[in-house]
Amino acid sequence: MHGQIVTALSSNLIVVIMAPVAVALWARWVFTRTAAVQGRPRTDWTIPSWLGWSLLVTVVLFWGLRNLSATSWLAP
């Protein structure tokens, strides 16, 4: 990406949109694991099932829509 957000958006929109989600999930994982090491009570943050299903549906829809001629702007 090298800081060229517009170029990245035109190449693969879903990666740019999902990057903050991936960072948030990674941060959640790190904070959960370090709590146990530091002796603090471990709070298990659970991801709601609707969120997981929403992410899956979003990725599948994007994958399908980018192959249609009407939504060719999604394709790289």
Protein backbone atom coordinates (compact mmCIF):
# COMPACT_ATOMS: atom_id res chain seq x y z
CA MET A 1 0.00 0.00 0.00
CA HIS A 2 2.84 2.42 0.87
CA GLY A 3 0.38 5.07 2.00
CA GLN A 4 -1.47 5.16 -1.32
CA ILE A 5 -4.97 4.55 -0.01
CA VAL A 6 -6.79 5.34 -3.28
CA THR A 7 -4.66 2.83 -5.18
CA ALA A 8 -5.25 0.23 -2.48
CA LEU A 9 -8.99 0.85 -2.59
CA SER A 10 -9.05 0.34 -6.33
CA SER A 11 -7.05 -2.89 -6.04
CA ASN A 12 -8.89 -4.63 -3.22
CA LEU A 13 -11.58 -2.76 -1.33
CA ILE A 14 -12.39 -5.56 1.12
CA VAL A 15 -8.83 -5.73 2.47
CA VAL A 16 -8.78 -2.00 3.18
CA ILE A 17 -12.16 -2.19 4.90
CA MET A 18 -11.30 -5.30 6.94
CA ALA A 19 -7.85 -4.09 8.07
CA PRO A 20 -9.22 -2.14 11.09
CA VAL A 21 -11.34 -5.17 12.03
CA ALA A 22 -8.26 -7.40 11.94
CA VAL A 23 -6.29 -4.92 14.07
CA ALA A 24 -9.12 -4.74 16.63
CA LEU A 25 -9.36 -8.54 16.86
CA TRP A 26 -5.59 -8.83 17.24
CA ALA A 27 -5.58 -6.18 20.00
CA ARG A 28 -8.36 -8.05 21.79
CA TRP A 29 -6.35 -11.25 21.60
CA VAL A 30 -3.20 -9.55 22.95
CA PHE A 31 -5.01 -7.90 25.88
CA THR A 32 -6.75 -11.15 26.79
CA ARG A 33 -3.48 -13.10 26.79
CA THR A 34 -1.44 -10.51 28.69
CA ALA A 35 -4.07 -10.27 31.43
CA ALA A 36 -3.43 -13.88 32.41
CA VAL A 37 0.35 -13.38 32.40
CA GLN A 38 0.16 -10.27 34.59
CA GLY A 39 -2.12 -11.95 37.13
CA ARG A 40 -5.14 -9.80 36.40
CA PRO A 41 -8.49 -11.48 36.07
CA ARG A 42 -8.92 -12.58 32.52
CA THR A 43 -11.96 -11.12 30.86
CA ASP A 44 -13.02 -13.15 27.89
CA TRP A 45 -14.41 -10.87 25.27
CA THR A 46 -16.60 -12.91 23.04
CA ILE A 47 -17.40 -11.98 19.51
CA PRO A 48 -21.15 -12.04 18.93
CA SER A 49 -22.20 -14.72 16.48
CA TRP A 50 -24.01 -12.13 14.36
CA LEU A 51 -20.71 -10.31 13.82
CA GLY A 52 -18.93 -13.41 12.60
CA TRP A 53 -21.78 -14.27 10.24
CA SER A 54 -21.94 -10.66 9.02
CA LEU A 55 -18.25 -10.70 8.17
CA LEU A 56 -18.62 -14.00 6.33
CA VAL A 57 -21.64 -12.76 4.34
CA THR A 58 -19.83 -9.51 3.50
CA VAL A 59 -16.78 -11.32 2.15
CA VAL A 60 -18.86 -13.80 0.13
CA LEU A 61 -21.04 -11.02 -1.33
CA PHE A 62 -17.99 -8.97 -2.25
CA TRP A 63 -16.38 -11.99 -3.86
CA GLY A 64 -19.49 -12.66 -5.93
CA LEU A 65 -20.35 -9.06 -6.81
CA ARG A 66 -16.90 -8.19 -8.08
CA ASN A 67 -17.33 -10.76 -10.86
CA LEU A 68 -20.49 -9.19 -12.28
CA SER A 69 -20.36 -6.65 -15.08
CA ALA A 70 -22.69 -4.22 -13.24
CA THR A 71 -20.23 -3.99 -10.35
CA SER A 72 -17.00 -4.08 -12.32
CA TRP A 73 -15.74 -1.11 -10.28
CA LEU A 74 -15.11 -3.60 -7.42
CA ALA A 75 -12.68 -5.67 -9.51
CA PRO A 76 -8.99 -4.76 -9.62
